[in-house]
Each structure stands twice: as structure tokens, then as C-alpha cells.
PDB file of all heavy atoms in Angstrom:
ATOM      1  N   ARG A   1      30.972 179.458 180.049  1.00  0.00           N
ATOM      2  CA  ARG A   1      31.324 180.076 178.769  1.00  0.00           C
ATOM      3  C   ARG A   1      31.327 181.582 178.950  1.00  0.00           C
ATOM      4  O   ARG A   1      30.370 182.154 179.474  1.00  0.00           O
ATOM      5  CB  ARG A   1      30.326 179.679 177.681  1.00  0.00           C
ATOM      6  CG  ARG A   1      30.358 178.218 177.300  1.00  0.00           C
ATOM      7  CD  ARG A   1      31.648 177.774 176.668  1.00  0.00           C
ATOM      8  NE  ARG A   1      31.911 178.500 175.438  1.00  0.00           N
ATOM      9  CZ  ARG A   1      33.059 178.455 174.781  1.00  0.00           C
ATOM     10  NH1 ARG A   1      34.054 177.745 175.225  1.00  0.00           N
ATOM     11  NH2 ARG A   1      33.228 179.150 173.672  1.00  0.00           N
ATOM     12  N   ALA A   2      32.421 182.227 178.530  1.00  0.00           N
ATOM     13  CA  ALA A   2      32.546 183.670 178.631  1.00  0.00           C
ATOM     14  C   ALA A   2      33.580 184.138 177.617  1.00  0.00           C
ATOM     15  O   ALA A   2      34.396 183.337 177.144  1.00  0.00           O
ATOM     16  CB  ALA A   2      32.979 184.064 180.043  1.00  0.00           C
ATOM     17  N   LEU A   3      33.544 185.419 177.277  1.00  0.00           N
ATOM     18  CA  LEU A   3      34.587 185.998 176.442  1.00  0.00           C
ATOM     19  C   LEU A   3      35.781 186.305 177.336  1.00  0.00           C
ATOM     20  O   LEU A   3      35.618 186.898 178.406  1.00  0.00           O
ATOM     21  CB  LEU A   3      34.105 187.281 175.777  1.00  0.00           C
ATOM     22  CG  LEU A   3      33.027 187.151 174.716  1.00  0.00           C
ATOM     23  CD1 LEU A   3      32.619 188.530 174.208  1.00  0.00           C
ATOM     24  CD2 LEU A   3      33.498 186.291 173.565  1.00  0.00           C
ATOM     25  N   VAL A   4      36.967 185.896 176.911  1.00  0.00           N
ATOM     26  CA  VAL A   4      38.184 186.083 177.697  1.00  0.00           C
ATOM     27  C   VAL A   4      39.234 186.714 176.805  1.00  0.00           C
ATOM     28  O   VAL A   4      39.466 186.241 175.688  1.00  0.00           O
ATOM     29  CB  VAL A   4      38.726 184.726 178.215  1.00  0.00           C
ATOM     30  CG1 VAL A   4      39.992 184.935 179.024  1.00  0.00           C
ATOM     31  CG2 VAL A   4      37.680 183.988 179.020  1.00  0.00           C
ATOM     32  N   ALA A   5      39.886 187.772 177.308  1.00  0.00           N
ATOM     33  CA  ALA A   5      40.936 188.414 176.521  1.00  0.00           C
ATOM     34  C   ALA A   5      41.877 189.182 177.434  1.00  0.00           C
ATOM     35  O   ALA A   5      41.459 189.723 178.464  1.00  0.00           O
ATOM     36  CB  ALA A   5      40.326 189.371 175.494  1.00  0.00           C
ATOM     37  N   SER A   6      43.128 189.232 177.041  1.00  0.00           N
ATOM     38  CA  SER A   6      44.089 190.071 177.732  1.00  0.00           C
ATOM     39  C   SER A   6      43.753 191.519 177.401  1.00  0.00           C
ATOM     40  O   SER A   6      43.595 191.874 176.235  1.00  0.00           O
ATOM     41  CB  SER A   6      45.502 189.718 177.263  1.00  0.00           C
ATOM     42  OG  SER A   6      46.427 190.582 177.873  1.00  0.00           O
ATOM     43  N   LEU A   7      43.602 192.348 178.427  1.00  0.00           N
ATOM     44  CA  LEU A   7      43.312 193.769 178.222  1.00  0.00           C
ATOM     45  C   LEU A   7      44.605 194.574 178.158  1.00  0.00           C
ATOM     46  O   LEU A   7      44.678 195.594 177.492  1.00  0.00           O
ATOM     47  CB  LEU A   7      42.412 194.296 179.334  1.00  0.00           C
ATOM     48  CG  LEU A   7      41.052 193.603 179.468  1.00  0.00           C
ATOM     49  CD1 LEU A   7      40.274 194.160 180.649  1.00  0.00           C
ATOM     50  CD2 LEU A   7      40.246 193.740 178.180  1.00  0.00           C
ATOM     51  N   ARG A   8      45.585 194.111 178.885  1.00  0.00           N
ATOM     52  CA  ARG A   8      46.942 194.672 178.877  1.00  0.00           C
ATOM     53  C   ARG A   8      47.800 193.673 179.647  1.00  0.00           C
ATOM     54  O   ARG A   8      47.260 192.784 180.298  1.00  0.00           O
ATOM     55  CB  ARG A   8      46.984 196.063 179.501  1.00  0.00           C
ATOM     56  CG  ARG A   8      46.610 196.132 180.971  1.00  0.00           C
ATOM     57  CD  ARG A   8      46.940 197.505 181.527  1.00  0.00           C
ATOM     58  NE  ARG A   8      46.434 197.758 182.833  1.00  0.00           N
ATOM     59  CZ  ARG A   8      46.949 197.300 183.981  1.00  0.00           C
ATOM     60  NH1 ARG A   8      47.985 196.482 183.962  1.00  0.00           N
ATOM     61  NH2 ARG A   8      46.411 197.616 185.139  1.00  0.00           N
ATOM     62  N   PRO A   9      49.113 193.792 179.608  1.00  0.00           N
ATOM     63  CA  PRO A   9      49.931 192.844 180.382  1.00  0.00           C
ATOM     64  C   PRO A   9      49.532 192.852 181.862  1.00  0.00           C
ATOM     65  O   PRO A   9      49.399 193.912 182.472  1.00  0.00           O
ATOM     66  CB  PRO A   9      51.363 193.365 180.178  1.00  0.00           C
ATOM     67  CG  PRO A   9      51.311 194.059 178.860  1.00  0.00           C
ATOM     68  CD  PRO A   9      49.940 194.697 178.806  1.00  0.00           C
ATOM     69  N   GLY A  10      49.285 191.659 182.384  1.00  0.00           N
ATOM     70  CA  GLY A  10      48.906 191.529 183.779  1.00  0.00           C
ATOM     71  C   GLY A  10      47.426 191.677 184.065  1.00  0.00           C
ATOM     72  O   GLY A  10      47.005 191.506 185.201  1.00  0.00           O
ATOM     73  N   ARG A  11      46.614 191.980 183.055  1.00  0.00           N
ATOM     74  CA  ARG A  11      45.172 192.162 183.268  1.00  0.00           C
ATOM     75  C   ARG A  11      44.394 191.403 182.198  1.00  0.00           C
ATOM     76  O   ARG A  11      44.554 191.653 181.013  1.00  0.00           O
ATOM     77  CB  ARG A  11      44.790 193.627 183.219  1.00  0.00           C
ATOM     78  CG  ARG A  11      43.278 193.851 183.399  1.00  0.00           C
ATOM     79  CD  ARG A  11      42.911 195.303 183.403  1.00  0.00           C
ATOM     80  NE  ARG A  11      43.318 195.898 184.669  1.00  0.00           N
ATOM     81  CZ  ARG A  11      43.225 197.199 184.947  1.00  0.00           C
ATOM     82  NH1 ARG A  11      42.753 198.032 184.042  1.00  0.00           N
ATOM     83  NH2 ARG A  11      43.613 197.655 186.121  1.00  0.00           N
ATOM     84  N   VAL A  12      43.536 190.489 182.664  1.00  0.00           N
ATOM     85  CA  VAL A  12      42.673 189.725 181.760  1.00  0.00           C
ATOM     86  C   VAL A  12      41.229 190.135 182.017  1.00  0.00           C
ATOM     87  O   VAL A  12      40.800 190.232 183.171  1.00  0.00           O
ATOM     88  CB  VAL A  12      42.850 188.202 181.974  1.00  0.00           C
ATOM     89  CG1 VAL A  12      41.880 187.408 181.104  1.00  0.00           C
ATOM     90  CG2 VAL A  12      44.290 187.787 181.693  1.00  0.00           C
ATOM     91  N   GLY A  13      40.500 190.393 180.942  1.00  0.00           N
ATOM     92  CA  GLY A  13      39.095 190.744 181.040  1.00  0.00           C
ATOM     93  C   GLY A  13      38.218 189.563 180.664  1.00  0.00           C
ATOM     94  O   GLY A  13      38.565 188.782 179.778  1.00  0.00           O
ATOM     95  N   VAL A  14      37.106 189.440 181.359  1.00  0.00           N
ATOM     96  CA  VAL A  14      36.158 188.353 181.112  1.00  0.00           C
ATOM     97  C   VAL A  14      34.761 188.963 181.070  1.00  0.00           C
ATOM     98  O   VAL A  14      34.396 189.718 181.974  1.00  0.00           O
ATOM     99  CB  VAL A  14      36.227 187.286 182.234  1.00  0.00           C
ATOM    100  CG1 VAL A  14      35.295 186.118 181.914  1.00  0.00           C
ATOM    101  CG2 VAL A  14      37.651 186.803 182.468  1.00  0.00           C
ATOM    102  N   LEU A  15      34.004 188.666 180.033  1.00  0.00           N
ATOM    103  CA  LEU A  15      32.609 189.093 179.960  1.00  0.00           C
ATOM    104  C   LEU A  15      31.749 187.850 180.144  1.00  0.00           C
ATOM    105  O   LEU A  15      31.757 186.947 179.305  1.00  0.00           O
ATOM    106  CB  LEU A  15      32.295 189.781 178.631  1.00  0.00           C
ATOM    107  CG  LEU A  15      30.881 190.356 178.521  1.00  0.00           C
ATOM    108  CD1 LEU A  15      30.646 191.444 179.586  1.00  0.00           C
ATOM    109  CD2 LEU A  15      30.632 190.905 177.130  1.00  0.00           C
ATOM    110  N   VAL A  16      31.046 187.815 181.283  1.00  0.00           N
ATOM    111  CA  VAL A  16      30.280 186.628 181.670  1.00  0.00           C
ATOM    112  C   VAL A  16      28.790 186.867 181.465  1.00  0.00           C
ATOM    113  O   VAL A  16      28.228 187.784 182.060  1.00  0.00           O
ATOM    114  CB  VAL A  16      30.533 186.282 183.161  1.00  0.00           C
ATOM    115  CG1 VAL A  16      29.751 185.043 183.568  1.00  0.00           C
ATOM    116  CG2 VAL A  16      32.012 186.104 183.446  1.00  0.00           C
ATOM    117  N   PRO A  17      28.130 186.044 180.629  1.00  0.00           N
ATOM    118  CA  PRO A  17      26.669 186.093 180.562  1.00  0.00           C
ATOM    119  C   PRO A  17      26.100 185.385 181.804  1.00  0.00           C
ATOM    120  O   PRO A  17      26.488 184.256 182.112  1.00  0.00           O
ATOM    121  CB  PRO A  17      26.318 185.313 179.301  1.00  0.00           C
ATOM    122  CG  PRO A  17      27.614 184.970 178.638  1.00  0.00           C
ATOM    123  CD  PRO A  17      28.696 185.137 179.647  1.00  0.00           C
ATOM    124  N   LEU A  18      25.240 186.063 182.526  1.00  0.00           N
ATOM    125  CA  LEU A  18      24.693 185.485 183.754  1.00  0.00           C
ATOM    126  C   LEU A  18      23.487 184.612 183.446  1.00  0.00           C
ATOM    127  O   LEU A  18      22.729 184.899 182.521  1.00  0.00           O
ATOM    128  CB  LEU A  18      24.292 186.605 184.716  1.00  0.00           C
ATOM    129  CG  LEU A  18      25.448 187.481 185.209  1.00  0.00           C
ATOM    130  CD1 LEU A  18      24.906 188.660 186.017  1.00  0.00           C
ATOM    131  CD2 LEU A  18      26.427 186.667 186.029  1.00  0.00           C
ATOM    132  N   PRO A  19      23.300 183.545 184.230  1.00  0.00           N
ATOM    133  CA  PRO A  19      22.122 182.692 184.017  1.00  0.00           C
ATOM    134  C   PRO A  19      20.850 183.444 184.399  1.00  0.00           C
ATOM    135  O   PRO A  19      20.851 184.258 185.321  1.00  0.00           O
ATOM    136  CB  PRO A  19      22.363 181.500 184.952  1.00  0.00           C
ATOM    137  CG  PRO A  19      23.349 181.981 185.968  1.00  0.00           C
ATOM    138  CD  PRO A  19      24.139 183.082 185.332  1.00  0.00           C
ATOM    139  N   GLU A  20      19.800 183.180 183.661  1.00  0.00           N
ATOM    140  CA  GLU A  20      18.508 183.829 183.929  1.00  0.00           C
ATOM    141  C   GLU A  20      17.974 183.397 185.293  1.00  0.00           C
ATOM    142  O   GLU A  20      17.936 182.212 185.611  1.00  0.00           O
ATOM    143  CB  GLU A  20      17.481 183.459 182.844  1.00  0.00           C
ATOM    144  CG  GLU A  20      17.751 184.110 181.507  1.00  0.00           C
ATOM    145  CD  GLU A  20      17.593 185.622 181.519  1.00  0.00           C
ATOM    146  OE1 GLU A  20      16.732 186.136 182.265  1.00  0.00           O
ATOM    147  OE2 GLU A  20      18.339 186.279 180.787  1.00  0.00           O
ATOM    148  N   GLY A  21      17.579 184.381 186.084  1.00  0.00           N
ATOM    149  CA  GLY A  21      16.900 184.092 187.341  1.00  0.00           C
ATOM    150  C   GLY A  21      17.769 183.547 188.459  1.00  0.00           C
ATOM    151  O   GLY A  21      17.281 183.325 189.557  1.00  0.00           O
ATOM    152  N   GLY A  22      19.046 183.329 188.212  1.00  0.00           N
ATOM    153  CA  GLY A  22      19.906 182.790 189.261  1.00  0.00           C
ATOM    154  C   GLY A  22      20.592 183.894 190.044  1.00  0.00           C
ATOM    155  O   GLY A  22      20.547 185.068 189.676  1.00  0.00           O
ATOM    156  N   ASP A  23      21.230 183.518 191.124  1.00  0.00           N
ATOM    157  CA  ASP A  23      21.988 184.458 191.931  1.00  0.00           C
ATOM    158  C   ASP A  23      23.366 184.620 191.292  1.00  0.00           C
ATOM    159  O   ASP A  23      24.141 183.663 191.230  1.00  0.00           O
ATOM    160  CB  ASP A  23      22.116 183.913 193.356  1.00  0.00           C
ATOM    161  CG  ASP A  23      22.901 184.826 194.273  1.00  0.00           C
ATOM    162  OD1 ASP A  23      23.362 185.895 193.825  1.00  0.00           O
ATOM    163  OD2 ASP A  23      23.053 184.459 195.451  1.00  0.00           O
ATOM    164  N   PRO A  24      23.695 185.809 190.781  1.00  0.00           N
ATOM    165  CA  PRO A  24      24.985 185.996 190.109  1.00  0.00           C
ATOM    166  C   PRO A  24      26.179 185.683 191.000  1.00  0.00           C
ATOM    167  O   PRO A  24      27.202 185.212 190.518  1.00  0.00           O
ATOM    168  CB  PRO A  24      24.991 187.476 189.718  1.00  0.00           C
ATOM    169  CG  PRO A  24      23.631 187.981 189.912  1.00  0.00           C
ATOM    170  CD  PRO A  24      22.904 187.034 190.806  1.00  0.00           C
ATOM    171  N   SER A  25      26.044 185.910 192.314  1.00  0.00           N
ATOM    172  CA  SER A  25      27.187 185.685 193.203  1.00  0.00           C
ATOM    173  C   SER A  25      27.605 184.223 193.244  1.00  0.00           C
ATOM    174  O   SER A  25      28.776 183.923 193.453  1.00  0.00           O
ATOM    175  CB  SER A  25      26.901 186.216 194.606  1.00  0.00           C
ATOM    176  OG  SER A  25      25.878 185.463 195.218  1.00  0.00           O
ATOM    177  N   VAL A  26      26.670 183.308 193.024  1.00  0.00           N
ATOM    178  CA  VAL A  26      27.008 181.879 193.019  1.00  0.00           C
ATOM    179  C   VAL A  26      27.940 181.580 191.844  1.00  0.00           C
ATOM    180  O   VAL A  26      29.001 180.962 192.017  1.00  0.00           O
ATOM    181  CB  VAL A  26      25.732 181.001 192.962  1.00  0.00           C
ATOM    182  CG1 VAL A  26      26.076 179.539 192.773  1.00  0.00           C
ATOM    183  CG2 VAL A  26      24.886 181.204 194.214  1.00  0.00           C
ATOM    184  N   LEU A  27      27.556 182.040 190.648  1.00  0.00           N
ATOM    185  CA  LEU A  27      28.393 181.814 189.463  1.00  0.00           C
ATOM    186  C   LEU A  27      29.719 182.554 189.587  1.00  0.00           C
ATOM    187  O   LEU A  27      30.786 182.000 189.288  1.00  0.00           O
ATOM    188  CB  LEU A  27      27.663 182.254 188.192  1.00  0.00           C
ATOM    189  CG  LEU A  27      28.490 182.179 186.902  1.00  0.00           C
ATOM    190  CD1 LEU A  27      28.883 180.737 186.582  1.00  0.00           C
ATOM    191  CD2 LEU A  27      27.737 182.800 185.747  1.00  0.00           C
ATOM    192  N   LEU A  28      29.694 183.798 190.038  1.00  0.00           N
ATOM    193  CA  LEU A  28      30.917 184.589 190.137  1.00  0.00           C
ATOM    194  C   LEU A  28      31.888 183.998 191.160  1.00  0.00           C
ATOM    195  O   LEU A  28      33.104 183.998 190.949  1.00  0.00           O
ATOM    196  CB  LEU A  28      30.577 186.038 190.464  1.00  0.00           C
ATOM    197  CG  LEU A  28      29.835 186.774 189.350  1.00  0.00           C
ATOM    198  CD1 LEU A  28      29.296 188.110 189.838  1.00  0.00           C
ATOM    199  CD2 LEU A  28      30.711 186.945 188.126  1.00  0.00           C
ATOM    200  N   THR A  29      31.363 183.476 192.261  1.00  0.00           N
ATOM    201  CA  THR A  29      32.225 182.828 193.260  1.00  0.00           C
ATOM    202  C   THR A  29      32.851 181.571 192.671  1.00  0.00           C
ATOM    203  O   THR A  29      34.056 181.334 192.838  1.00  0.00           O
ATOM    204  CB  THR A  29      31.420 182.486 194.532  1.00  0.00           C
ATOM    205  OG1 THR A  29      30.930 183.704 195.098  1.00  0.00           O
ATOM    206  CG2 THR A  29      32.273 181.755 195.553  1.00  0.00           C
TER     207      THR A  29
END
């Protein structure tokens, strides 16, 4: 679950809440 929106044509922005205590790179990958 994340906020997803077009920021401009060709670019989409995503705001991801990271899980507590986990390695962010696992979720981001």
C-alpha cells in the first residue's frame, strides 16, 4: 500500500510507508 500519483507526464511518484524494523531495501526491491 502506497500513495501513487502522476507527477508530470512520464513521471509517477510513490510515497511508500516502510515496515517497522525491517530492511527497506527488501521492500523497495
